Protein backbone atom coordinates (compact mmCIF):
# COMPACT_ATOMS: atom_id res chain seq x y z
CA MET A 1 0.00 0.00 0.00
CA GLN A 2 2.82 2.36 0.93
CA THR A 3 4.44 1.50 -2.41
CA LEU A 4 1.28 2.46 -4.27
CA VAL A 5 0.95 5.84 -2.55
CA LYS A 6 4.63 6.57 -3.23
CA LEU A 7 4.33 5.56 -6.89
CA LEU A 8 1.19 7.64 -7.45
CA THR A 9 2.80 10.61 -5.68
CA LYS A 10 5.99 10.32 -7.76
CA LYS A 11 3.98 10.14 -11.00
CA LYS A 12 1.61 12.91 -9.81
CA LEU A 13 -1.43 10.69 -10.38
CA LYS A 14 -4.77 11.05 -8.61
CA ILE A 15 -7.12 8.13 -7.97
CA SER A 16 -10.83 7.86 -7.24
CA PHE A 17 -13.09 4.94 -6.36
CA ALA A 18 -16.75 4.01 -6.78
CA GLU A 19 -17.40 1.04 -4.53
CA SER A 20 -20.43 -1.14 -4.05
CA CYS A 21 -19.84 -4.55 -2.43
CA THR A 22 -16.65 -3.39 -0.64
CA GLY A 23 -18.56 -0.60 1.12
CA GLY A 24 -15.66 1.85 1.36
CA LEU A 25 -13.00 -0.70 2.28
CA LEU A 26 -10.84 0.32 -0.70
CA ALA A 27 -11.00 4.01 0.26
CA SER A 28 -10.24 3.07 3.86
CA ALA A 29 -7.22 1.01 2.77
CA ILE A 30 -5.69 3.92 0.86
CA THR A 31 -6.49 6.60 3.44
CA SER A 32 -4.84 4.54 6.18
CA ILE A 33 -1.50 5.41 4.54
CA SER A 34 0.26 8.66 5.39
CA GLY A 35 0.53 10.83 2.28
CA ALA A 36 -2.68 9.50 0.73
CA SER A 37 -4.10 13.04 0.58
CA LYS A 38 -1.65 13.78 -2.25
CA VAL A 39 -3.12 11.04 -4.45
CA PHE A 40 -6.62 10.14 -3.28
CA ASN A 41 -9.29 12.36 -4.78
CA LEU A 42 -12.75 10.88 -4.22
CA GLY A 43 -14.40 7.78 -2.84
CA LEU A 44 -18.07 7.01 -3.43
CA VAL A 45 -19.95 4.11 -1.89
CA THR A 46 -22.80 3.57 -4.32
CA TYR A 47 -24.22 0.52 -2.62
CA SER A 48 -27.82 0.67 -3.79
CA ASN A 49 -29.03 0.61 -7.39
CA GLU A 50 -30.61 3.99 -6.69
CA ALA A 51 -27.21 5.45 -5.74
CA LYS A 52 -25.61 3.99 -8.87
CA ILE A 53 -28.35 5.63 -10.95
CA LYS A 54 -28.61 8.98 -9.11
CA VAL A 55 -24.99 9.62 -8.09
CA LEU A 56 -23.01 7.81 -10.78
CA LYS A 57 -25.60 8.37 -13.51
CA VAL A 58 -25.64 4.68 -14.49
CA ASN A 59 -28.51 4.29 -16.94
CA LYS A 60 -31.32 2.43 -15.15
CA ASN A 61 -31.83 0.30 -18.28
CA ILE A 62 -28.32 -1.12 -17.85
CA ILE A 63 -29.19 -2.27 -14.33
CA ARG A 64 -32.61 -3.52 -15.46
CA LYS A 65 -31.18 -5.51 -18.39
CA TYR A 66 -27.83 -6.77 -17.00
CA GLY A 67 -28.08 -6.26 -13.24
CA ALA A 68 -25.93 -4.15 -10.92
CA VAL A 69 -23.37 -6.97 -10.81
CA SER A 70 -22.37 -6.98 -14.45
CA HIS A 71 -19.62 -5.99 -16.85
CA GLU A 72 -21.94 -3.33 -18.28
CA CYS A 73 -22.78 -1.73 -14.93
CA CYS A 74 -19.14 -1.78 -13.79
CA SER A 75 -18.12 -0.11 -17.06
CA ALA A 76 -20.76 2.63 -16.72
CA MET A 77 -19.72 3.16 -13.09
CA VAL A 78 -16.04 3.70 -13.94
CA LYS A 79 -16.73 5.88 -17.01
CA ASN A 80 -19.10 8.14 -15.10
CA LEU A 81 -16.83 8.26 -12.04
CA SER A 82 -14.02 9.58 -14.23
CA LYS A 83 -16.28 12.43 -15.42
CA ILE A 84 -17.16 13.33 -11.82
CA SER A 85 -13.72 12.91 -10.24
CA LYS A 86 -11.34 14.12 -12.98
CA ALA A 87 -8.79 11.71 -11.45
CA ASN A 88 -6.10 10.05 -13.61
CA ILE A 89 -7.04 6.55 -12.45
CA ASN A 90 -10.61 5.57 -11.58
CA ILE A 91 -11.74 2.27 -10.08
CA SER A 92 -15.26 0.85 -9.86
CA ILE A 93 -16.28 -2.24 -7.92
CA THR A 94 -19.56 -4.13 -8.00
CA GLY A 95 -20.16 -7.68 -6.85
CA ILE A 96 -21.79 -10.19 -4.55
CA ALA A 97 -20.01 -10.46 -1.21
CA GLY A 98 -22.58 -12.89 0.22
CA PRO A 99 -23.29 -14.96 2.11
CA LYS A 100 -26.69 -14.58 0.38
CA GLY A 101 -27.64 -13.11 -2.97
CA GLY A 102 -25.81 -15.47 -5.29
CA THR A 103 -27.34 -17.42 -8.17
CA LYS A 104 -26.00 -20.05 -10.57
CA GLN A 105 -25.25 -17.32 -13.14
CA LYS A 106 -23.95 -14.88 -10.54
CA PRO A 107 -22.47 -16.79 -7.59
CA VAL A 108 -21.38 -15.31 -4.28
CA GLY A 109 -17.82 -14.10 -4.85
CA LEU A 110 -18.48 -12.74 -8.36
CA VAL A 111 -16.97 -9.25 -8.55
CA PHE A 112 -16.33 -6.86 -11.40
CA ILE A 113 -13.50 -4.34 -11.01
CA GLY A 114 -13.28 -1.54 -13.56
CA VAL A 115 -10.07 0.41 -14.10
CA LYS A 116 -9.96 3.53 -16.24
CA LYS A 117 -6.72 5.35 -16.91
CA GLY A 118 -6.89 8.02 -19.54
CA LYS A 119 -9.01 6.62 -22.36
CA LYS A 120 -8.17 3.00 -21.54
CA ILE A 121 -10.82 0.98 -19.70
CA GLN A 122 -10.36 -2.54 -18.41
CA ILE A 123 -13.16 -4.51 -16.74
CA ASN A 124 -11.97 -7.48 -14.70
CA ARG A 125 -14.36 -10.31 -13.88
CA CYS A 126 -13.25 -12.11 -10.73
CA ILE A 127 -14.62 -15.07 -8.84
CA PHE A 128 -13.37 -15.15 -5.27
CA LYS A 129 -13.78 -18.63 -3.81
CA CYS A 130 -13.52 -17.58 -0.16
CA LYS A 131 -16.88 -18.20 1.35
CA ASN A 132 -17.35 -15.41 3.86
CA ARG A 133 -18.30 -11.81 3.20
CA SER A 134 -15.29 -10.19 4.85
CA SER A 135 -12.82 -12.43 2.96
CA ILE A 136 -14.48 -11.64 -0.37
CA GLN A 137 -14.36 -7.91 0.38
CA LYS A 138 -10.68 -8.05 1.41
CA ALA A 139 -9.74 -10.17 -1.62
CA THR A 140 -11.51 -7.65 -3.86
CA VAL A 141 -9.60 -4.74 -2.30
CA ARG A 142 -6.26 -6.59 -2.74
CA LYS A 143 -7.07 -7.30 -6.39
CA ALA A 144 -8.17 -3.69 -7.01
CA LEU A 145 -4.98 -2.32 -5.43
CA ASN A 146 -2.86 -4.63 -7.62
CA LEU A 147 -4.75 -3.40 -10.68
CA VAL A 148 -4.14 0.25 -9.67
CA LEU A 149 -0.45 -0.53 -9.18
CA ARG A 150 -0.28 -2.05 -12.66
CA ALA A 151 -2.18 0.86 -14.22
CA ALA A 152 0.07 3.42 -12.52
CA LYS A 153 3.34 1.92 -13.81
């Protein structure tokens, strides 16, 4: 984490997050590091569909057609976050942390992590096999931080 803050500071990059299933854990992880204020711009917890629609301006038809836990929703979240935040690197997270809420098509542990740097957008579909909510959230944050590190290099 310290490495990430140092790298972002050195490269003069700002980051912002739009989190759903991690509930602010990613923002908390970065702000626990001294010097984070130089690189961390904005953290939104858009947990409900209503928040995704009203705050992040995700088209309600995307959620209706594909669901909040989808490649399409994650993509809209990260694109719209970048318009709001004006950060260099934007991250969006949406998923099912469980223990309930999973289906055969969308099991508990399914998480989409969107990374937008400049014009480049990458949506990562992850399935975390850990079975408890906290482990899934922590695994998602670790993965997201690794993706930020890669994007920043």
